[in-house]
Amino acid sequence: MINLLKETIGYVTGTLLHNAPVLVFGILTAAAVKVYADPEN
């Protein structure tokens, strides 16, 4: 059970690290679009 938990945590961590640049890029893009779409903010 502990071994399965470690493997799952390792897999999730690896997936997050692998996808982190995409997530960051998406968040920055969304923030930039929001700023340009709503200049008053």
C-alpha atoms as a PDB file:
ATOM      1  CA  MET A   1       0.000   0.000   0.000  1.00  0.00           C
ATOM      2  CA  ILE A   2       2.805   2.413   0.927  1.00  0.00           C
ATOM      3  CA  ASN A   3       4.658   1.488  -2.252  1.00  0.00           C
ATOM      4  CA  LEU A   4       1.574   2.200  -4.364  1.00  0.00           C
ATOM      5  CA  LEU A   5       1.165   5.549  -2.616  1.00  0.00           C
ATOM      6  CA  LYS A   6       4.796   6.466  -3.345  1.00  0.00           C
ATOM      7  CA  GLU A   7       4.407   5.504  -7.000  1.00  0.00           C
ATOM      8  CA  THR A   8       1.218   7.551  -7.299  1.00  0.00           C
ATOM      9  CA  ILE A   9       2.813  10.608  -5.673  1.00  0.00           C
ATOM     10  CA  GLY A  10       5.848  10.241  -7.933  1.00  0.00           C
ATOM     11  CA  TYR A  11       3.631   9.981 -11.007  1.00  0.00           C
ATOM     12  CA  VAL A  12       1.514  13.007 -10.052  1.00  0.00           C
ATOM     13  CA  THR A  13       4.616  15.060  -9.225  1.00  0.00           C
ATOM     14  CA  GLY A  14       6.251  14.110 -12.526  1.00  0.00           C
ATOM     15  CA  THR A  15       3.105  14.984 -14.445  1.00  0.00           C
ATOM     16  CA  LEU A  16       2.796  18.358 -12.713  1.00  0.00           C
ATOM     17  CA  LEU A  17       6.445  19.196 -13.347  1.00  0.00           C
ATOM     18  CA  HIS A  18       6.091  18.121 -16.981  1.00  0.00           C
ATOM     19  CA  ASN A  19       2.988  20.280 -17.453  1.00  0.00           C
ATOM     20  CA  ALA A  20       4.091  23.225 -15.290  1.00  0.00           C
ATOM     21  CA  PRO A  21       5.490  25.327 -18.199  1.00  0.00           C
ATOM     22  CA  VAL A  22       2.242  24.869 -20.123  1.00  0.00           C
ATOM     23  CA  LEU A  23       0.163  25.812 -17.085  1.00  0.00           C
ATOM     24  CA  VAL A  24       2.292  28.887 -16.357  1.00  0.00           C
ATOM     25  CA  PHE A  25       2.128  29.965 -19.992  1.00  0.00           C
ATOM     26  CA  GLY A  26      -1.641  29.528 -19.992  1.00  0.00           C
ATOM     27  CA  ILE A  27      -2.070  31.514 -16.791  1.00  0.00           C
ATOM     28  CA  LEU A  28       0.140  34.348 -18.046  1.00  0.00           C
ATOM     29  CA  THR A  29      -1.700  34.406 -21.373  1.00  0.00           C
ATOM     30  CA  ALA A  30      -5.081  34.526 -19.634  1.00  0.00           C
ATOM     31  CA  ALA A  31      -3.875  37.345 -17.365  1.00  0.00           C
ATOM     32  CA  ALA A  32      -2.518  39.314 -20.334  1.00  0.00           C
ATOM     33  CA  VAL A  33      -5.758  38.877 -22.279  1.00  0.00           C
ATOM     34  CA  LYS A  34      -7.759  40.050 -19.263  1.00  0.00           C
ATOM     35  CA  VAL A  35      -5.598  43.158 -18.880  1.00  0.00           C
ATOM     36  CA  TYR A  36      -5.806  44.051 -22.588  1.00  0.00           C
ATOM     37  CA  ALA A  37      -9.532  43.279 -22.800  1.00  0.00           C
ATOM     38  CA  ASP A  38     -10.304  45.427 -19.756  1.00  0.00           C
ATOM     39  CA  PRO A  39      -7.943  48.451 -19.740  1.00  0.00           C
ATOM     40  CA  GLU A  40      -9.725  50.080 -16.784  1.00  0.00           C
ATOM     41  CA  ASN A  41      -8.405  47.389 -14.414  1.00  0.00           C
END
